[in-house]
Protein backbone atom coordinates (compact mmCIF):
# COMPACT_ATOMS: atom_id res chain seq x y z
CA MET A 1 52.53 28.13 31.22
CA VAL A 2 51.29 24.56 31.55
CA SER A 3 49.11 23.64 34.50
CA ALA A 4 48.63 20.13 35.83
CA GLN A 5 45.27 18.62 35.04
CA PRO A 6 43.40 17.48 38.17
CA SER A 7 42.58 13.80 38.34
CA LYS A 8 39.03 12.54 37.96
CA SER A 9 39.11 11.15 41.48
CA ALA A 10 40.08 14.57 42.85
CA ILE A 11 37.23 16.24 40.97
CA LYS A 12 34.70 13.68 42.21
CA THR A 13 36.01 14.02 45.77
CA LYS A 14 35.41 17.79 45.65
CA ARG A 15 31.90 17.30 44.36
CA LYS A 16 31.13 14.74 47.05
CA ALA A 17 32.43 17.06 49.78
CA ARG A 18 29.24 19.12 49.84
CA ARG A 19 26.21 16.87 49.96
CA PRO A 20 23.69 18.27 52.37
CA MET A 21 20.14 18.76 51.18
CA LEU A 22 20.88 18.54 47.47
CA GLU A 23 22.12 14.96 47.73
CA LEU A 24 18.94 14.02 49.57
CA GLU A 25 16.87 15.54 46.79
CA THR A 26 18.70 13.88 43.88
CA ARG A 27 19.35 10.51 45.53
CA GLU A 28 16.13 9.83 47.39
CA LEU A 29 13.96 11.34 44.66
CA PRO A 30 15.61 9.99 41.49
CA GLY A 31 12.90 11.37 39.23
CA VAL A 32 13.73 15.02 40.04
CA ILE A 33 16.52 15.27 37.44
CA PRO A 34 16.19 12.47 34.86
CA LEU A 35 19.29 10.59 33.76
CA PRO A 36 19.78 10.18 29.99
CA PRO A 37 19.17 6.63 28.74
CA LEU A 38 22.23 4.43 28.33
CA GLU A 39 22.09 4.45 24.54
CA LEU A 40 22.49 8.25 24.52
CA ARG A 41 25.20 8.20 27.18
CA LYS A 42 27.21 5.76 25.07
CA ILE A 43 27.26 8.26 22.19
CA VAL A 44 28.83 11.04 24.25
CA GLY A 45 31.41 8.85 26.00
CA PRO A 46 31.01 8.73 29.81
CA THR A 47 28.23 6.35 30.80
CA GLU A 48 28.37 6.15 34.60
CA PRO A 49 25.59 8.09 36.36
CA GLU A 50 28.18 9.86 38.55
CA ASP A 51 29.69 11.40 35.39
CA PHE A 52 26.38 13.25 34.92
CA ASP A 53 25.94 14.12 38.56
CA ASN A 54 26.89 17.04 40.82
CA PRO A 55 25.22 16.24 44.15
CA GLY A 56 27.31 18.70 46.14
CA GLY A 57 26.32 21.65 43.96
CA THR A 58 29.98 22.52 43.31
CA PRO A 59 30.71 24.88 40.37
CA ILE A 60 31.63 22.51 37.56
CA TYR A 61 34.94 24.25 36.80
CA GLU A 62 35.89 25.14 40.36
CA GLU A 63 39.26 23.36 39.98
CA PHE A 64 40.20 25.82 37.21
CA GLY A 65 39.53 28.91 39.29
CA PHE A 66 36.55 30.25 37.34
CA PRO A 67 34.91 33.18 39.15
CA GLU A 68 31.27 32.77 40.12
CA ALA A 69 30.23 35.38 37.54
CA SER A 70 31.41 33.03 34.77
CA TYR A 71 28.36 30.83 35.28
CA GLU A 72 25.74 33.53 34.88
CA ALA A 73 25.05 32.81 31.17
CA VAL A 74 26.37 29.54 29.74
CA PHE A 75 26.53 28.51 26.07
CA ASP A 76 27.23 24.79 25.66
CA PHE A 77 28.45 24.04 22.11
CA GLY A 78 27.99 20.29 21.65
CA CYS A 79 25.81 19.72 24.73
CA GLY A 80 25.07 16.10 23.82
CA CYS A 81 22.45 14.52 26.06
CA GLY A 82 22.90 17.12 28.79
CA ARG A 83 25.82 15.83 30.85
CA LEU A 84 27.03 19.30 31.81
CA ALA A 85 23.52 20.77 31.76
CA ARG A 86 22.48 18.23 34.38
CA GLN A 87 25.47 19.16 36.56
CA LEU A 88 24.70 22.85 36.15
CA LEU A 89 21.08 22.28 37.16
CA GLN A 90 22.44 20.92 40.45
CA GLN A 91 25.07 23.65 40.80
CA ASN A 92 24.74 26.29 43.49
CA PRO A 93 24.19 28.92 42.28
CA ARG A 94 22.53 27.70 39.12
CA PRO A 95 23.18 29.66 35.86
CA ARG A 96 20.55 32.29 35.16
CA ARG A 97 20.64 31.28 31.51
CA TYR A 98 21.82 28.18 29.69
CA VAL A 99 21.75 27.43 25.95
CA GLY A 100 22.84 24.03 24.66
CA ILE A 101 23.16 23.08 21.00
CA ASP A 102 24.04 19.78 19.34
CA VAL A 103 23.86 18.20 15.89
CA HIS A 104 22.18 15.06 17.26
CA GLN A 105 18.42 15.56 17.02
CA GLY A 106 17.58 12.67 19.37
CA MET A 107 19.71 14.00 22.22
CA ILE A 108 18.29 17.51 21.86
CA ASP A 109 14.75 16.11 21.89
CA TRP A 110 15.52 14.23 25.11
CA CYS A 111 17.00 17.36 26.76
CA LYS A 112 13.98 19.46 25.78
CA ARG A 113 11.61 16.85 27.11
CA SER A 114 13.49 15.95 30.29
CA LEU A 115 15.61 18.92 31.41
CA SER A 116 13.97 22.12 30.13
CA PRO A 117 10.79 21.54 32.23
CA LEU A 118 12.99 21.71 35.36
CA ASP A 119 14.10 25.25 34.52
CA ALA A 120 12.65 27.37 31.71
CA ASN A 121 15.99 29.22 31.46
CA PHE A 122 17.67 26.02 30.23
CA GLN A 123 17.10 25.93 26.47
CA PHE A 124 18.22 23.38 23.89
CA PHE A 125 18.44 23.78 20.11
CA HIS A 126 19.16 21.36 17.31
CA HIS A 127 22.19 22.55 15.32
CA ASP A 128 21.29 21.45 11.80
CA VAL A 129 24.82 20.81 10.48
CA TYR A 130 26.07 17.69 8.74
CA SER A 131 28.25 15.20 10.60
CA PRO A 132 29.29 11.92 8.90
CA THR A 133 28.69 9.82 12.02
CA ALA A 134 26.69 11.85 14.54
CA ALA A 135 24.23 13.55 12.18
CA ALA A 136 24.28 12.07 8.69
CA GLY A 137 20.61 13.00 8.24
CA ASN A 138 21.12 16.72 8.88
CA SER A 139 21.23 19.40 6.21
CA MET A 140 24.29 19.19 4.00
CA ARG A 141 26.21 22.16 5.39
CA LEU A 142 29.35 22.54 7.47
CA ALA A 143 28.31 25.31 9.84
CA GLU A 144 25.67 27.82 10.81
CA PRO A 145 25.76 30.76 13.23
CA PHE A 146 25.27 30.21 16.95
CA PRO A 147 21.73 31.11 18.10
CA ALA A 148 23.15 33.84 20.33
CA GLN A 149 23.65 37.58 20.34
CA ASP A 150 27.07 39.26 20.34
CA GLY A 151 28.67 39.29 23.79
CA GLY A 152 25.73 37.47 25.32
CA PHE A 153 27.50 34.77 27.34
CA SER A 154 29.87 34.69 30.27
CA LEU A 155 30.93 31.08 29.64
CA VAL A 156 31.25 29.22 26.34
CA ILE A 157 31.86 25.47 26.60
CA ALA A 158 33.22 23.37 23.74
CA HIS A 159 34.11 20.09 25.43
CA SER A 160 35.31 17.48 22.90
CA VAL A 161 33.98 19.48 19.94
CA PHE A 162 36.96 20.96 18.10
CA THR A 163 38.45 17.46 18.27
CA HIS A 164 35.77 16.40 15.74
CA LEU A 165 35.61 19.34 13.32
CA PHE A 166 37.17 20.01 9.94
CA LYS A 167 39.64 22.90 9.98
CA ARG A 168 37.25 25.18 8.09
CA GLN A 169 34.58 24.47 10.68
CA THR A 170 37.02 25.18 13.50
CA GLU A 171 37.97 28.50 11.91
CA TYR A 172 34.33 29.55 11.78
CA TYR A 173 33.25 28.30 15.19
CA LEU A 174 36.25 29.70 17.04
CA LYS A 175 35.28 33.07 15.59
CA GLU A 176 31.67 32.46 16.70
CA ALA A 177 32.83 31.65 20.23
CA SER A 178 34.71 34.95 20.30
CA ARG A 179 31.66 36.79 18.97
CA ILE A 180 29.24 35.64 21.69
CA LEU A 181 31.74 35.84 24.57
CA ARG A 182 31.52 38.75 26.98
CA PRO A 183 34.65 40.88 27.50
CA SER A 184 35.07 39.30 30.95
CA GLY A 185 33.89 35.83 29.90
CA ARG A 186 35.74 32.51 29.63
CA ALA A 187 35.72 29.77 27.00
CA PHE A 188 36.43 26.21 28.08
CA THR A 189 37.74 24.22 25.08
CA THR A 190 39.50 20.89 24.50
CA TRP A 191 41.90 19.92 21.67
CA PHE A 192 44.18 17.26 20.23
CA PHE A 193 47.57 18.85 19.46
CA PHE A 194 50.64 17.93 17.45
CA ASP A 195 53.69 19.86 16.25
CA ASN A 196 53.99 20.80 12.61
CA ASP A 197 57.76 20.45 13.06
CA SER A 198 57.16 16.69 12.99
CA PHE A 199 56.56 17.10 9.23
CA PRO A 200 59.66 19.02 8.09
CA PHE A 201 59.16 18.00 4.44
CA PHE A 202 55.94 20.08 4.27
CA ASP A 203 55.95 23.83 3.60
CA GLN A 204 53.53 25.81 5.80
CA GLY A 205 51.53 22.84 6.96
CA PRO A 206 49.83 20.59 7.65
CA HIS A 207 47.73 22.41 10.21
CA CYS A 208 45.50 19.45 11.06
CA LEU A 209 45.60 15.67 10.86
CA PHE A 210 42.73 13.19 10.67
CA ALA A 211 42.58 9.88 12.52
CA GLY A 212 39.78 8.23 10.58
CA GLU A 213 39.18 6.90 7.07
CA THR A 214 35.42 6.34 6.98
CA ASP A 215 34.81 9.48 9.05
CA PRO A 216 37.80 11.85 9.05
CA THR A 217 36.30 13.83 11.93
CA HIS A 218 36.43 10.83 14.27
CA ALA A 219 39.50 12.57 15.73
CA VAL A 220 41.03 15.79 14.38
CA ILE A 221 44.48 16.87 15.59
CA TYR A 222 45.65 20.49 15.26
CA ASP A 223 49.10 22.02 15.02
CA ARG A 224 49.45 23.96 18.26
CA GLY A 225 51.35 26.79 16.58
CA TRP A 226 48.51 27.28 14.09
CA PHE A 227 45.95 27.14 16.90
CA LEU A 228 47.64 29.91 18.88
CA ASN A 229 47.97 32.17 15.85
CA TYR A 230 44.38 31.63 14.83
CA ALA A 231 43.04 32.17 18.34
CA ARG A 232 44.86 35.50 18.33
CA ALA A 233 43.36 36.35 14.92
CA CYS A 234 39.90 35.71 16.42
CA GLY A 235 40.61 38.18 19.21
CA LEU A 236 41.17 35.55 21.90
CA ARG A 237 44.00 34.88 24.33
CA VAL A 238 44.95 31.75 26.23
CA VAL A 239 44.41 32.15 29.98
CA GLN A 240 45.36 28.64 30.99
CA THR A 241 46.57 25.44 29.30
CA ILE A 242 46.29 22.04 30.95
CA PRO A 243 47.98 19.06 29.23
CA PRO A 244 46.25 15.67 29.14
CA ARG A 245 46.77 13.07 31.84
CA MET A 246 47.67 10.65 29.05
CA ALA A 247 50.04 11.65 26.23
CA GLY A 248 48.20 12.37 23.01
CA HIS A 249 44.80 12.85 24.61
CA GLN A 250 42.74 16.05 24.93
CA TRP A 251 44.30 19.28 26.16
CA ILE A 252 42.19 21.81 28.04
CA VAL A 253 42.62 25.35 26.77
CA ILE A 254 40.80 28.19 28.54
CA LEU A 255 40.33 31.33 26.47
CA GLU A 256 39.10 34.86 27.01
CA LYS A 257 38.84 38.06 24.98
CA ARG A 258 42.17 39.57 24.00
CA LEU A 259 42.55 43.03 25.51
CA GLY A 260 45.60 45.16 24.76
CA GLU A 261 49.00 43.51 25.18
CA SER A 262 47.80 40.13 26.38
CA VAL A 263 50.10 37.25 27.29
CA ASP A 264 49.17 33.76 26.13
CA ARG A 265 49.79 31.01 28.65
CA PHE A 266 50.36 28.36 26.03
CA PRO A 267 53.39 26.07 25.57
CA LEU A 268 55.37 25.92 22.33
CA GLY A 269 58.59 24.26 21.24
CA ALA A 270 60.03 21.82 23.75
CA GLU A 271 57.65 22.86 26.52
CA GLY A 272 54.84 20.34 26.81
CA ALA A 273 56.03 18.43 23.72
CA GLU A 274 55.97 15.13 25.58
CA TRP A 275 52.16 15.34 25.88
CA LEU A 276 51.44 15.90 22.19
CA CYS A 277 49.92 13.43 19.75
CA GLY A 278 52.79 11.56 18.14
CA ALA A 279 55.16 12.15 21.06
CA THR A 280 57.80 9.44 21.22
CA LEU A 281 60.40 8.23 23.68
CA LYS A 282 63.02 10.13 21.71
CA PRO A 283 62.93 13.64 20.23
CA ILE A 284 62.59 14.08 16.47
CA ALA A 285 65.86 13.41 14.65
CA THR A 286 68.02 16.30 13.45
CA PRO A 287 68.22 16.33 9.63
CA THR A 288 71.59 15.63 8.04
CA LEU A 289 70.76 17.70 4.93
CA SER A 290 71.51 21.36 4.54
CA ALA A 291 68.85 23.94 5.36
CA GLU A 292 68.98 25.19 1.75
CA TYR A 293 68.29 21.70 0.38
CA ILE A 294 65.41 21.15 2.80
CA ALA A 295 63.81 24.49 1.92
CA ARG A 296 64.19 23.81 -1.81
CA ASN A 297 62.57 20.36 -1.62
CA LYS A 298 59.67 21.00 0.70
CA VAL A 299 56.21 19.99 -0.52
CA ARG A 300 53.57 22.69 -0.60
CA CYS A 301 50.85 21.57 1.82
CA LEU A 302 47.36 21.77 0.30
CA ASP A 303 46.00 22.68 3.72
CA SER A 304 48.02 25.89 3.86
CA ARG A 305 45.93 29.06 4.02
CA ASP A 306 46.25 32.47 5.58
CA LEU A 307 44.79 33.36 8.97
CA SER A 308 41.88 35.40 7.63
CA VAL A 309 38.86 34.98 9.88
CA PRO A 310 35.72 33.94 7.92
CA SER A 311 32.57 36.00 8.32
CA ASP A 312 30.25 33.37 6.84
CA PRO A 313 29.87 29.62 7.39
CA PRO A 314 32.34 27.66 5.22
CA PRO A 315 31.09 26.09 1.97
CA LEU A 316 31.15 22.36 1.38
CA PHE A 317 34.38 21.01 -0.08
CA GLY A 318 35.94 17.77 -1.29
CA VAL A 319 33.87 14.61 -0.88
CA LEU A 320 31.10 16.51 0.91
CA ALA A 321 30.70 18.86 -2.08
CA GLU A 322 30.59 15.85 -4.42
CA LEU A 323 28.00 14.17 -2.20
CA GLN A 324 25.86 17.31 -2.23
CA ALA A 325 26.14 17.54 -6.04
CA THR A 326 25.02 13.89 -6.29
CA LYS A 327 22.09 14.58 -3.97
CA ASP A 328 21.15 17.62 -6.10
CA ARG A 329 21.22 15.53 -9.29
CA LEU A 330 19.14 12.82 -7.65
CA ALA A 331 16.66 15.43 -6.40
CA ALA A 332 16.42 16.87 -9.94
CA ALA A 333 15.81 13.39 -11.40
CA LEU A 334 13.14 12.67 -8.80
CA ASN A 335 11.54 16.02 -9.53
CA GLN A 336 11.48 15.20 -13.27
CA LEU A 337 9.99 11.79 -12.50
CA GLU A 338 7.30 13.43 -10.39
CA THR A 339 6.54 15.87 -13.23
CA THR A 340 6.23 12.96 -15.70
CA LYS A 341 3.91 11.13 -13.32
CA GLN A 342 1.72 14.23 -13.06
CA VAL A 343 1.56 14.50 -16.88
CA LEU A 344 0.58 10.83 -17.16
CA ALA A 345 -2.03 11.27 -14.44
CA ARG A 346 -3.55 14.23 -16.30
CA ALA A 347 -3.55 12.22 -19.55
CA GLU A 348 -5.30 9.28 -17.86
CA ALA A 349 -7.86 11.63 -16.34
CA GLU A 350 -8.54 13.18 -19.75
CA LEU A 351 -8.88 9.74 -21.33
CA GLU A 352 -11.34 8.71 -18.63
CA ARG A 353 -13.33 11.91 -19.22
CA ILE A 354 -13.53 11.10 -22.93
CA ARG A 355 -14.66 7.54 -22.21
CA ARG A 356 -17.49 8.84 -20.05
CA SER A 357 -18.61 11.46 -22.60
CA ARG A 358 -21.84 11.17 -24.69
CA SER A 359 -19.91 11.47 -27.93
CA TRP A 360 -17.71 8.50 -27.01
CA LYS A 361 -20.74 6.40 -26.14
CA LEU A 362 -22.41 7.24 -29.50
CA VAL A 363 -19.28 6.27 -31.37
CA GLN A 364 -19.06 3.02 -29.43
CA ALA A 365 -22.74 2.30 -30.20
CA GLY A 366 -22.12 2.80 -33.94
CA VAL A 367 -18.96 0.73 -34.01
CA ARG A 368 -20.40 -2.25 -32.12
CA PRO A 369 -22.54 -3.65 -35.05
CA ILE A 370 -19.60 -3.33 -37.39
CA ARG A 371 -17.43 -5.36 -35.02
CA MET A 372 -20.13 -8.02 -34.79
CA LEU A 373 -20.37 -8.32 -38.61
CA ARG A 374 -16.59 -8.44 -38.82
CA ASN A 375 -16.55 -11.36 -36.42
CA ILE A 376 -19.43 -13.23 -38.22
CA LEU A 377 -18.39 -12.82 -41.87
CA PRO A 378 -14.88 -14.34 -41.60
CA GLY A 379 -16.39 -17.44 -39.92
CA PHE A 380 -19.10 -17.79 -42.58
CA ALA A 381 -16.57 -17.40 -45.38
CA GLN A 382 -14.31 -19.99 -43.80
CA LYS A 383 -17.14 -22.50 -43.59
CA LYS A 384 -18.01 -21.96 -47.26
CA VAL A 385 -14.42 -22.43 -48.31
CA SER A 386 -14.07 -25.50 -46.13
CA GLY A 387 -17.24 -27.04 -47.66
CA THR A 388 -15.94 -26.51 -51.22
CA LEU A 389 -12.70 -28.22 -50.44
CA GLN A 390 -14.27 -31.33 -48.92
CA PRO A 391 -13.97 -34.42 -51.19
CA GLN A 392 -17.23 -35.81 -52.70
């Protein structure tokens, strides 16, 4: 059920094997396919130019046995600054259609400006969804539908995406991946996995763990049993599972539409356990308490929910909901302030109109002599009083 993951050197060797004319084009004419700037490459992880390159034109997932038809229409969920798009532009044959989406506006802008002009069938869209680190300026929402029709894509890519999503987001987007996938299509996904059995004091959970305090989605780890059940609920089956080359790192899980009595090639229990997050040099200890006592004293996990597949994007929850409520209150206060400023502006304009009116000028003309007399008489009276009080 578990396949060995090919090494990076093996993958690069395959891509270097075929370098006829295409290498000449991309190497001797470096401006043909622009390379993302270093600051964008640092955000997505790999920074070396060769990580963005495919000079031999090899199908990018050749080592996983994808048929050529898989590359006809590609949907890249979390395309970043175009690492895979750039490789696909060099691939032979090139996809007839490519759609890449990402929450990072700057990377999408770069891809539109630098890659789309090379092939009009390569389109990029900003996915306006909030992310604490990658897209804090986006709209305050957890998800929105993919810009794609049902069954429109032969290959859906989610490389290092579900490893950074809240569980409610994962539930929605896994369903979306199933929705846009063709019956014969493939989905290339990566995950961090752990075993819920490592938390025997919890009842029905937890299904995911977070490895970040400031940004919980810095790394999100899923219970592999929950993942398999939910993938099935979304109408997907596991075609191939490749464990990480380093224990605790990202697993590759290749999915396709579930048809009839499908078999999932996915390890559970002891199989593959040594590659999970939290794997240790020794297996988990056997409890010395009775099964009845353990069942009676388990803590109900707050993360426990059924496997119902959502039809709509998930609502905000927890701290994000509180943040949105604070933003709404601030927006209301700013709106009230703006209304008050408009009222004051209208009052000042009305006062200025009155000051410029003929009636106001006549009143001012009548009042001016009175003010002058008022200023003269007190001085005159003071002088008279002062003269009376002077000694003879």
